[in-house]
Amino acid sequence: MLAALLRLFALRPLLTMAIFGIPVLLLIAVGLFTIWTLKFLLFVALPIALIVWVLRCVFGSCNDG
């Protein structure tokens, strides 16, 4: 039984590189894209929004609700 499975995987290498029908490379790409997006939001977009908010409050147009 084990030998038959090994032969099957040797004949179909793309089948062995899939988890629940989703290729591993696609899972890696989605994971990297998610990490890059979160880093962008945390280290670029959030500081810019915070600086804009602070500057608006300093120059008198800050609305507290």
PDB file of N, CA and C in Angstrom:
ATOM      1  N   MET A   1       0.831  -1.190   0.000  1.00  0.00           N
ATOM      2  CA  MET A   1       0.000   0.000   0.000  1.00  0.00           C
ATOM      3  C   MET A   1       0.875   1.252   0.000  1.00  0.00           C
ATOM      4  N   LEU A   2       1.861   1.273   0.854  1.00  0.00           N
ATOM      5  CA  LEU A   2       2.762   2.421   0.924  1.00  0.00           C
ATOM      6  C   LEU A   2       3.538   2.598  -0.371  1.00  0.00           C
ATOM      7  N   ALA A   3       3.964   1.511  -0.953  1.00  0.00           N
ATOM      8  CA  ALA A   3       4.699   1.583  -2.217  1.00  0.00           C
ATOM      9  C   ALA A   3       3.804   2.130  -3.325  1.00  0.00           C
ATOM     10  N   ALA A   4       2.549   1.760  -3.322  1.00  0.00           N
ATOM     11  CA  ALA A   4       1.624   2.270  -4.338  1.00  0.00           C
ATOM     12  C   ALA A   4       1.428   3.780  -4.181  1.00  0.00           C
ATOM     13  N   LEU A   5       1.317   4.243  -2.946  1.00  0.00           N
ATOM     14  CA  LEU A   5       1.184   5.682  -2.720  1.00  0.00           C
ATOM     15  C   LEU A   5       2.431   6.431  -3.151  1.00  0.00           C
ATOM     16  N   LEU A   6       3.595   5.888  -2.846  1.00  0.00           N
ATOM     17  CA  LEU A   6       4.838   6.530  -3.251  1.00  0.00           C
ATOM     18  C   LEU A   6       4.954   6.603  -4.768  1.00  0.00           C
ATOM     19  N   ARG A   7       4.553   5.548  -5.462  1.00  0.00           N
ATOM     20  CA  ARG A   7       4.569   5.574  -6.929  1.00  0.00           C
ATOM     21  C   ARG A   7       3.588   6.610  -7.458  1.00  0.00           C
ATOM     22  N   LEU A   8       2.412   6.725  -6.831  1.00  0.00           N
ATOM     23  CA  LEU A   8       1.423   7.706  -7.249  1.00  0.00           C
ATOM     24  C   LEU A   8       1.973   9.119  -7.087  1.00  0.00           C
ATOM     25  N   PHE A   9       2.618   9.381  -5.949  1.00  0.00           N
ATOM     26  CA  PHE A   9       3.168  10.710  -5.726  1.00  0.00           C
ATOM     27  C   PHE A   9       4.353  10.991  -6.643  1.00  0.00           C
ATOM     28  N   ALA A  10       5.104   9.961  -7.004  1.00  0.00           N
ATOM     29  CA  ALA A  10       6.221  10.151  -7.922  1.00  0.00           C
ATOM     30  C   ALA A  10       5.708  10.482  -9.315  1.00  0.00           C
ATOM     31  N   LEU A  11       4.574   9.909  -9.688  1.00  0.00           N
ATOM     32  CA  LEU A  11       4.016  10.179 -11.013  1.00  0.00           C
ATOM     33  C   LEU A  11       3.294  11.517 -11.052  1.00  0.00           C
ATOM     34  N   ARG A  12       2.788  11.954  -9.931  1.00  0.00           N
ATOM     35  CA  ARG A  12       2.038  13.221  -9.896  1.00  0.00           C
ATOM     36  C   ARG A  12       2.652  14.151  -8.845  1.00  0.00           C
ATOM     37  N   PRO A  13       3.725  14.829  -9.196  1.00  0.00           N
ATOM     38  CA  PRO A  13       4.389  15.667  -8.191  1.00  0.00           C
ATOM     39  C   PRO A  13       3.540  16.866  -7.774  1.00  0.00           C
ATOM     40  N   LEU A  14       2.671  17.350  -8.651  1.00  0.00           N
ATOM     41  CA  LEU A  14       1.833  18.477  -8.277  1.00  0.00           C
ATOM     42  C   LEU A  14       0.808  18.081  -7.224  1.00  0.00           C
ATOM     43  N   LEU A  15       0.409  16.823  -7.216  1.00  0.00           N
ATOM     44  CA  LEU A  15      -0.528  16.354  -6.210  1.00  0.00           C
ATOM     45  C   LEU A  15       0.112  16.348  -4.828  1.00  0.00           C
ATOM     46  N   THR A  16       1.408  16.062  -4.768  1.00  0.00           N
ATOM     47  CA  THR A  16       2.087  16.041  -3.479  1.00  0.00           C
ATOM     48  C   THR A  16       2.343  17.452  -2.972  1.00  0.00           C
ATOM     49  N   MET A  17       2.339  18.437  -3.852  1.00  0.00           N
ATOM     50  CA  MET A  17       2.580  19.818  -3.455  1.00  0.00           C
ATOM     51  C   MET A  17       1.276  20.568  -3.251  1.00  0.00           C
ATOM     52  N   ALA A  18       0.271  19.909  -2.735  1.00  0.00           N
ATOM     53  CA  ALA A  18      -1.011  20.558  -2.502  1.00  0.00           C
ATOM     54  C   ALA A  18      -1.551  20.155  -1.142  1.00  0.00           C
ATOM     55  N   ILE A  19      -2.180  21.108  -0.484  1.00  0.00           N
ATOM     56  CA  ILE A  19      -2.841  20.849   0.794  1.00  0.00           C
ATOM     57  C   ILE A  19      -4.305  21.177   0.603  1.00  0.00           C
ATOM     58  N   PHE A  20      -5.142  20.184   0.705  1.00  0.00           N
ATOM     59  CA  PHE A  20      -6.585  20.328   0.498  1.00  0.00           C
ATOM     60  C   PHE A  20      -6.897  20.946  -0.858  1.00  0.00           C
ATOM     61  N   GLY A  21      -6.124  20.601  -1.861  1.00  0.00           N
ATOM     62  CA  GLY A  21      -6.399  21.062  -3.217  1.00  0.00           C
ATOM     63  C   GLY A  21      -5.837  22.447  -3.536  1.00  0.00           C
ATOM     64  N   ILE A  22      -5.192  23.098  -2.559  1.00  0.00           N
ATOM     65  CA  ILE A  22      -4.622  24.422  -2.792  1.00  0.00           C
ATOM     66  C   ILE A  22      -3.107  24.269  -2.905  1.00  0.00           C
ATOM     67  N   PRO A  23      -2.518  24.701  -4.004  1.00  0.00           N
ATOM     68  CA  PRO A  23      -1.067  24.556  -4.150  1.00  0.00           C
ATOM     69  C   PRO A  23      -0.306  25.299  -3.056  1.00  0.00           C
ATOM     70  N   VAL A  24       0.788  24.706  -2.614  1.00  0.00           N
ATOM     71  CA  VAL A  24       1.581  25.281  -1.533  1.00  0.00           C
ATOM     72  C   VAL A  24       2.141  26.641  -1.932  1.00  0.00           C
ATOM     73  N   LEU A  25       2.542  26.803  -3.189  1.00  0.00           N
ATOM     74  CA  LEU A  25       3.078  28.095  -3.635  1.00  0.00           C
ATOM     75  C   LEU A  25       2.037  29.193  -3.512  1.00  0.00           C
ATOM     76  N   LEU A  26       0.786  28.876  -3.776  1.00  0.00           N
ATOM     77  CA  LEU A  26      -0.280  29.867  -3.628  1.00  0.00           C
ATOM     78  C   LEU A  26      -0.472  30.232  -2.159  1.00  0.00           C
ATOM     79  N   LEU A  27      -0.392  29.243  -1.282  1.00  0.00           N
ATOM     80  CA  LEU A  27      -0.501  29.527   0.154  1.00  0.00           C
ATOM     81  C   LEU A  27       0.642  30.417   0.624  1.00  0.00           C
ATOM     82  N   ILE A  28       1.854  30.162   0.134  1.00  0.00           N
ATOM     83  CA  ILE A  28       3.002  30.990   0.502  1.00  0.00           C
ATOM     84  C   ILE A  28       2.815  32.406  -0.021  1.00  0.00           C
ATOM     85  N   ALA A  29       2.346  32.551  -1.255  1.00  0.00           N
ATOM     86  CA  ALA A  29       2.144  33.882  -1.836  1.00  0.00           C
ATOM     87  C   ALA A  29       1.092  34.672  -1.057  1.00  0.00           C
ATOM     88  N   VAL A  30       0.009  34.034  -0.699  1.00  0.00           N
ATOM     89  CA  VAL A  30      -1.041  34.717   0.059  1.00  0.00           C
ATOM     90  C   VAL A  30      -0.519  35.128   1.439  1.00  0.00           C
ATOM     91  N   GLY A  31       0.244  34.264   2.069  1.00  0.00           N
ATOM     92  CA  GLY A  31       0.818  34.585   3.369  1.00  0.00           C
ATOM     93  C   GLY A  31       1.782  35.764   3.296  1.00  0.00           C
ATOM     94  N   LEU A  32       2.649  35.782   2.293  1.00  0.00           N
ATOM     95  CA  LEU A  32       3.585  36.892   2.134  1.00  0.00           C
ATOM     96  C   LEU A  32       2.852  38.194   1.838  1.00  0.00           C
ATOM     97  N   PHE A  33       1.836  38.131   0.986  1.00  0.00           N
ATOM     98  CA  PHE A  33       1.064  39.331   0.669  1.00  0.00           C
ATOM     99  C   PHE A  33       0.375  39.872   1.929  1.00  0.00           C
ATOM    100  N   THR A  34      -0.147  38.982   2.742  1.00  0.00           N
ATOM    101  CA  THR A  34      -0.799  39.406   3.984  1.00  0.00           C
ATOM    102  C   THR A  34       0.193  40.071   4.927  1.00  0.00           C
ATOM    103  N   ILE A  35       1.369  39.491   5.066  1.00  0.00           N
ATOM    104  CA  ILE A  35       2.397  40.067   5.946  1.00  0.00           C
ATOM    105  C   ILE A  35       2.825  41.432   5.432  1.00  0.00           C
ATOM    106  N   TRP A  36       3.050  41.551   4.121  1.00  0.00           N
ATOM    107  CA  TRP A  36       3.469  42.838   3.560  1.00  0.00           C
ATOM    108  C   TRP A  36       2.386  43.892   3.728  1.00  0.00           C
ATOM    109  N   THR A  37       1.127  43.496   3.559  1.00  0.00           N
ATOM    110  CA  THR A  37       0.033  44.445   3.731  1.00  0.00           C
ATOM    111  C   THR A  37      -0.056  44.928   5.176  1.00  0.00           C
ATOM    112  N   LEU A  38       0.055  44.015   6.124  1.00  0.00           N
ATOM    113  CA  LEU A  38       0.003  44.407   7.529  1.00  0.00           C
ATOM    114  C   LEU A  38       1.182  45.303   7.906  1.00  0.00           C
ATOM    115  N   LYS A  39       2.372  44.988   7.385  1.00  0.00           N
ATOM    116  CA  LYS A  39       3.529  45.841   7.647  1.00  0.00           C
ATOM    117  C   LYS A  39       3.323  47.231   7.061  1.00  0.00           C
ATOM    118  N   PHE A  40       2.776  47.302   5.863  1.00  0.00           N
ATOM    119  CA  PHE A  40       2.519  48.600   5.233  1.00  0.00           C
ATOM    120  C   PHE A  40       1.531  49.412   6.067  1.00  0.00           C
ATOM    121  N   LEU A  41       0.469  48.772   6.490  1.00  0.00           N
ATOM    122  CA  LEU A  41      -0.521  49.491   7.294  1.00  0.00           C
ATOM    123  C   LEU A  41       0.069  49.947   8.623  1.00  0.00           C
ATOM    124  N   LEU A  42       0.848  49.094   9.261  1.00  0.00           N
ATOM    125  CA  LEU A  42       1.380  49.407  10.580  1.00  0.00           C
ATOM    126  C   LEU A  42       2.489  50.452  10.526  1.00  0.00           C
ATOM    127  N   PHE A  43       3.388  50.352   9.559  1.00  0.00           N
ATOM    128  CA  PHE A  43       4.570  51.195   9.550  1.00  0.00           C
ATOM    129  C   PHE A  43       4.498  52.372   8.585  1.00  0.00           C
ATOM    130  N   VAL A  44       3.512  52.424   7.696  1.00  0.00           N
ATOM    131  CA  VAL A  44       3.411  53.537   6.743  1.00  0.00           C
ATOM    132  C   VAL A  44       2.091  54.284   6.910  1.00  0.00           C
ATOM    133  N   ALA A  45       0.979  53.579   6.738  1.00  0.00           N
ATOM    134  CA  ALA A  45      -0.322  54.249   6.737  1.00  0.00           C
ATOM    135  C   ALA A  45      -0.697  54.774   8.123  1.00  0.00           C
ATOM    136  N   LEU A  46      -0.496  53.992   9.160  1.00  0.00           N
ATOM    137  CA  LEU A  46      -0.863  54.418  10.509  1.00  0.00           C
ATOM    138  C   LEU A  46      -0.048  55.628  10.991  1.00  0.00           C
ATOM    139  N   PRO A  47       1.272  55.644  10.815  1.00  0.00           N
ATOM    140  CA  PRO A  47       2.011  56.853  11.216  1.00  0.00           C
ATOM    141  C   PRO A  47       1.609  58.099  10.429  1.00  0.00           C
ATOM    142  N   ILE A  48       1.334  57.959   9.138  1.00  0.00           N
ATOM    143  CA  ILE A  48       0.902  59.117   8.346  1.00  0.00           C
ATOM    144  C   ILE A  48      -0.436  59.626   8.860  1.00  0.00           C
ATOM    145  N   ALA A  49      -1.370  58.736   9.126  1.00  0.00           N
ATOM    146  CA  ALA A  49      -2.676  59.149   9.642  1.00  0.00           C
ATOM    147  C   ALA A  49      -2.528  59.804  11.011  1.00  0.00           C
ATOM    148  N   LEU A  50      -1.653  59.267  11.844  1.00  0.00           N
ATOM    149  CA  LEU A  50      -1.425  59.843  13.173  1.00  0.00           C
ATOM    150  C   LEU A  50      -0.810  61.238  13.071  1.00  0.00           C
ATOM    151  N   ILE A  51       0.151  61.424  12.181  1.00  0.00           N
ATOM    152  CA  ILE A  51       0.771  62.739  11.992  1.00  0.00           C
ATOM    153  C   ILE A  51      -0.257  63.747  11.484  1.00  0.00           C
ATOM    154  N   VAL A  52      -1.077  63.339  10.519  1.00  0.00           N
ATOM    155  CA  VAL A  52      -2.114  64.238   9.990  1.00  0.00           C
ATOM    156  C   VAL A  52      -3.098  64.610  11.099  1.00  0.00           C
ATOM    157  N   TRP A  53      -3.496  63.661  11.913  1.00  0.00           N
ATOM    158  CA  TRP A  53      -4.446  63.932  12.994  1.00  0.00           C
ATOM    159  C   TRP A  53      -3.849  64.893  14.025  1.00  0.00           C
ATOM    160  N   VAL A  54      -2.578  64.654  14.389  1.00  0.00           N
ATOM    161  CA  VAL A  54      -1.923  65.531  15.366  1.00  0.00           C
ATOM    162  C   VAL A  54      -1.791  66.941  14.796  1.00  0.00           C
ATOM    163  N   LEU A  55      -1.403  67.074  13.553  1.00  0.00           N
ATOM    164  CA  LEU A  55      -1.260  68.399  12.950  1.00  0.00           C
ATOM    165  C   LEU A  55      -2.601  69.119  12.877  1.00  0.00           C
ATOM    166  N   ARG A  56      -3.658  68.391  12.582  1.00  0.00           N
ATOM    167  CA  ARG A  56      -4.987  69.021  12.545  1.00  0.00           C
ATOM    168  C   ARG A  56      -5.406  69.481  13.937  1.00  0.00           C
ATOM    169  N   CYS A  57      -5.066  68.707  14.957  1.00  0.00           N
ATOM    170  CA  CYS A  57      -5.400  69.111  16.328  1.00  0.00           C
ATOM    171  C   CYS A  57      -4.569  70.317  16.759  1.00  0.00           C
ATOM    172  N   VAL A  58      -3.310  70.362  16.364  1.00  0.00           N
ATOM    173  CA  VAL A  58      -2.440  71.461  16.752  1.00  0.00           C
ATOM    174  C   VAL A  58      -2.915  72.760  16.114  1.00  0.00           C
ATOM    175  N   PHE A  59      -3.357  72.704  14.872  1.00  0.00           N
ATOM    176  CA  PHE A  59      -3.771  73.915  14.168  1.00  0.00           C
ATOM    177  C   PHE A  59      -5.252  74.240  14.351  1.00  0.00           C
ATOM    178  N   GLY A  60      -5.931  73.591  15.293  1.00  0.00           N
ATOM    179  CA  GLY A  60      -7.237  74.021  15.739  1.00  0.00           C
ATOM    180  C   GLY A  60      -8.447  73.453  15.061  1.00  0.00           C
ATOM    181  N   SER A  61      -8.301  72.499  14.163  1.00  0.00           N
ATOM    182  CA  SER A  61      -9.501  71.947  13.523  1.00  0.00           C
ATOM    183  C   SER A  61      -9.778  70.524  13.985  1.00  0.00           C
ATOM    184  N   CYS A  62      -9.376  70.201  15.200  1.00  0.00           N
ATOM    185  CA  CYS A  62      -9.568  68.856  15.736  1.00  0.00           C
ATOM    186  C   CYS A  62     -10.986  68.747  16.312  1.00  0.00           C
ATOM    187  N   ASN A  63     -11.739  67.756  15.851  1.00  0.00           N
ATOM    188  CA  ASN A  63     -13.087  67.514  16.365  1.00  0.00           C
ATOM    189  C   ASN A  63     -13.052  66.266  17.228  1.00  0.00           C
ATOM    190  N   ASP A  64     -13.510  66.368  18.453  1.00  0.00           N
ATOM    191  CA  ASP A  64     -13.512  65.229  19.371  1.00  0.00           C
ATOM    192  C   ASP A  64     -14.854  64.512  19.371  1.00  0.00           C
ATOM    193  N   GLY A  65     -15.337  64.158  18.221  1.00  0.00           N
ATOM    194  CA  GLY A  65     -16.551  63.389  18.189  1.00  0.00           C
ATOM    195  C   GLY A  65     -17.634  64.143  17.580  1.00  0.00           C
TER     196      GLY A  65
END
